[in-house]
Amino acid sequence: MIEIKNITTTDELYNQQRELRNTILLRPLGLRDGSWETYDAISSHFVALENKKVVGCVVLVPVDEEPKKVRLIQMAVHTAMQGKGVGRLLIEEVLNFCKNKGITEINCHSRAYANNFYQKLGFEKYGESFEEVGIPHNHMKINL
């Protein structure tokens, strides 16, 4: 059974989250480990656990001072767990968290191949497509 947990950078699970992000998102593109950790200390971190091991994660970065808007970044699911609903569980937890905190908008830079995943969960594309880290992306958001 998958458990979703909100953690901080001082949690013992944070290093597992970092390793998953590096393995799934950064190393395949030749990016250095930790290159997206700039805002980790001020962000909300969510991990999906199976047998106490991190198998999925996502990070929410505040966009404004209030904060009413957040940016979803570094969504990653272990290769062996992809397609099994882990990502959906993470997003559902993020949506509940944001609603409870009074956050009104979540936006993200979706890798083009992941657009359908986000759209099924209520996100909408906006603006022009663009390239980031050598991969086609789209701006996406959901209003709560």
Protein backbone atom coordinates (compact mmCIF):
# COMPACT_ATOMS: atom_id res chain seq x y z
CA MET A 1 0.00 0.00 0.00
CA ILE A 2 1.23 3.48 -0.89
CA GLU A 3 1.36 6.12 1.84
CA ILE A 4 1.77 9.83 1.02
CA LYS A 5 3.67 11.91 3.54
CA ASN A 6 4.48 15.64 3.77
CA ILE A 7 8.12 16.00 4.87
CA THR A 8 10.72 18.71 5.45
CA THR A 9 14.37 18.86 4.48
CA THR A 10 15.29 17.67 7.99
CA ASP A 11 13.24 14.48 7.67
CA GLU A 12 15.22 11.24 7.26
CA LEU A 13 13.22 10.58 4.06
CA TYR A 14 14.53 13.77 2.42
CA ASN A 15 17.75 12.09 1.23
CA GLN A 16 15.72 9.30 -0.38
CA GLN A 17 13.62 11.97 -2.10
CA ARG A 18 16.77 13.72 -3.34
CA GLU A 19 18.15 10.46 -4.73
CA LEU A 20 14.89 9.70 -6.56
CA ARG A 21 14.82 13.19 -8.09
CA ASN A 22 18.44 12.85 -9.20
CA THR A 23 17.95 9.35 -10.61
CA ILE A 24 14.68 9.94 -12.48
CA LEU A 25 14.86 13.60 -13.49
CA LEU A 26 18.42 14.90 -13.56
CA ARG A 27 20.98 12.21 -14.36
CA PRO A 28 19.22 11.03 -17.55
CA LEU A 29 19.60 14.59 -18.89
CA GLY A 30 23.22 14.96 -17.80
CA LEU A 31 22.33 17.52 -15.12
CA ARG A 32 24.33 17.58 -11.91
CA ASP A 33 22.79 16.11 -8.77
CA GLY A 34 20.95 18.63 -6.66
CA SER A 35 20.72 21.23 -9.40
CA TRP A 36 17.02 21.90 -8.60
CA GLU A 37 17.37 22.15 -4.82
CA THR A 38 17.67 25.95 -4.62
CA TYR A 39 14.23 26.41 -3.05
CA ASP A 40 14.00 23.17 -1.09
CA ALA A 41 14.29 24.85 2.33
CA ILE A 42 11.21 27.05 1.72
CA SER A 43 9.19 24.41 -0.15
CA SER A 44 6.65 21.77 0.81
CA HIS A 45 7.81 18.24 0.03
CA PHE A 46 5.61 15.20 -0.52
CA VAL A 47 6.80 11.62 -0.81
CA ALA A 48 5.04 8.41 -1.75
CA LEU A 49 6.18 5.51 0.39
CA GLU A 50 5.99 1.78 -0.19
CA ASN A 51 7.41 -0.33 2.62
CA LYS A 52 9.06 2.81 4.07
CA LYS A 53 10.95 3.51 0.82
CA VAL A 54 10.39 6.63 -1.26
CA VAL A 55 8.91 5.60 -4.62
CA GLY A 56 7.55 8.99 -5.67
CA CYS A 57 7.88 12.65 -4.82
CA VAL A 58 6.85 16.19 -5.68
CA VAL A 59 7.85 19.63 -4.40
CA LEU A 60 5.72 22.80 -4.06
CA VAL A 61 7.57 26.12 -4.22
CA PRO A 62 5.83 29.32 -3.07
CA VAL A 63 5.41 31.76 -5.97
CA ASP A 64 4.22 34.83 -4.12
CA GLU A 65 4.61 36.27 -0.65
CA GLU A 66 1.12 35.45 0.63
CA PRO A 67 1.40 32.51 -0.67
CA LYS A 68 -1.69 32.00 -2.79
CA LYS A 69 0.18 30.46 -5.71
CA VAL A 70 2.70 27.64 -5.77
CA ARG A 71 4.78 25.99 -8.48
CA LEU A 72 4.84 22.21 -8.62
CA ILE A 73 8.35 21.00 -9.46
CA GLN A 74 10.43 17.83 -9.43
CA MET A 75 7.58 15.33 -9.77
CA ALA A 76 9.21 11.91 -9.98
CA VAL A 77 8.05 8.31 -9.66
CA HIS A 78 10.41 5.35 -9.50
CA THR A 79 10.52 3.62 -12.89
CA ALA A 80 9.14 0.34 -11.51
CA MET A 81 6.15 2.19 -10.01
CA GLN A 82 5.18 4.33 -13.01
CA GLY A 83 1.67 3.73 -14.31
CA LYS A 84 0.47 2.35 -10.96
CA GLY A 85 -1.28 5.46 -9.63
CA VAL A 86 1.55 6.80 -7.47
CA GLY A 87 1.65 10.14 -9.30
CA ARG A 88 -2.12 10.51 -9.03
CA LEU A 89 -1.97 9.89 -5.26
CA LEU A 90 0.76 12.51 -4.89
CA ILE A 91 -1.23 15.11 -6.85
CA GLU A 92 -4.42 14.35 -4.91
CA GLU A 93 -2.54 14.94 -1.65
CA VAL A 94 -1.03 18.16 -3.03
CA LEU A 95 -4.49 19.40 -4.06
CA ASN A 96 -5.89 18.71 -0.58
CA PHE A 97 -2.89 20.34 1.08
CA CYS A 98 -3.26 23.47 -1.07
CA LYS A 99 -7.00 23.76 -0.48
CA ASN A 100 -6.44 23.49 3.28
CA LYS A 101 -3.74 26.20 3.14
CA GLY A 102 -5.88 28.61 1.08
CA ILE A 103 -3.67 28.29 -1.99
CA THR A 104 -5.67 29.20 -5.08
CA GLU A 105 -3.37 28.23 -7.96
CA ILE A 106 -0.81 25.53 -8.70
CA ASN A 107 1.29 25.90 -11.84
CA CYS A 108 4.01 23.78 -13.35
CA HIS A 109 6.31 23.31 -16.30
CA SER A 110 5.12 19.96 -17.63
CA ARG A 111 7.36 17.87 -19.81
CA ALA A 112 5.27 17.51 -22.99
CA TYR A 113 4.99 13.73 -22.62
CA ALA A 114 3.39 14.24 -19.17
CA ASN A 115 0.70 16.71 -20.28
CA ASN A 116 -2.05 14.07 -20.42
CA PHE A 117 -1.26 12.97 -16.86
CA TYR A 118 -1.75 16.51 -15.55
CA GLN A 119 -4.80 17.19 -17.72
CA LYS A 120 -6.57 14.10 -16.36
CA LEU A 121 -6.10 15.59 -12.88
CA GLY A 122 -7.60 18.97 -13.83
CA PHE A 123 -4.59 20.98 -14.98
CA GLU A 124 -4.91 23.11 -18.15
CA LYS A 125 -2.22 24.10 -20.63
CA TYR A 126 -1.68 27.81 -21.20
CA GLY A 127 0.74 29.92 -23.19
CA GLU A 128 3.23 28.71 -25.76
CA SER A 129 5.22 25.49 -25.65
CA PHE A 130 8.87 25.97 -24.73
CA GLU A 131 12.09 24.03 -24.26
CA GLU A 132 13.63 23.54 -20.82
CA VAL A 133 16.65 21.34 -20.05
CA GLY A 134 16.56 20.24 -23.69
CA ILE A 135 13.01 18.84 -23.51
CA PRO A 136 9.71 20.26 -24.85
CA HIS A 137 7.54 21.63 -22.01
CA ASN A 138 4.20 23.32 -21.54
CA HIS A 139 2.96 25.74 -18.91
CA MET A 140 0.12 24.14 -16.97
CA LYS A 141 -2.01 25.24 -14.03
CA ILE A 142 -5.00 24.37 -11.93
CA ASN A 143 -7.14 26.87 -10.04
CA LEU A 144 -8.52 25.72 -6.70
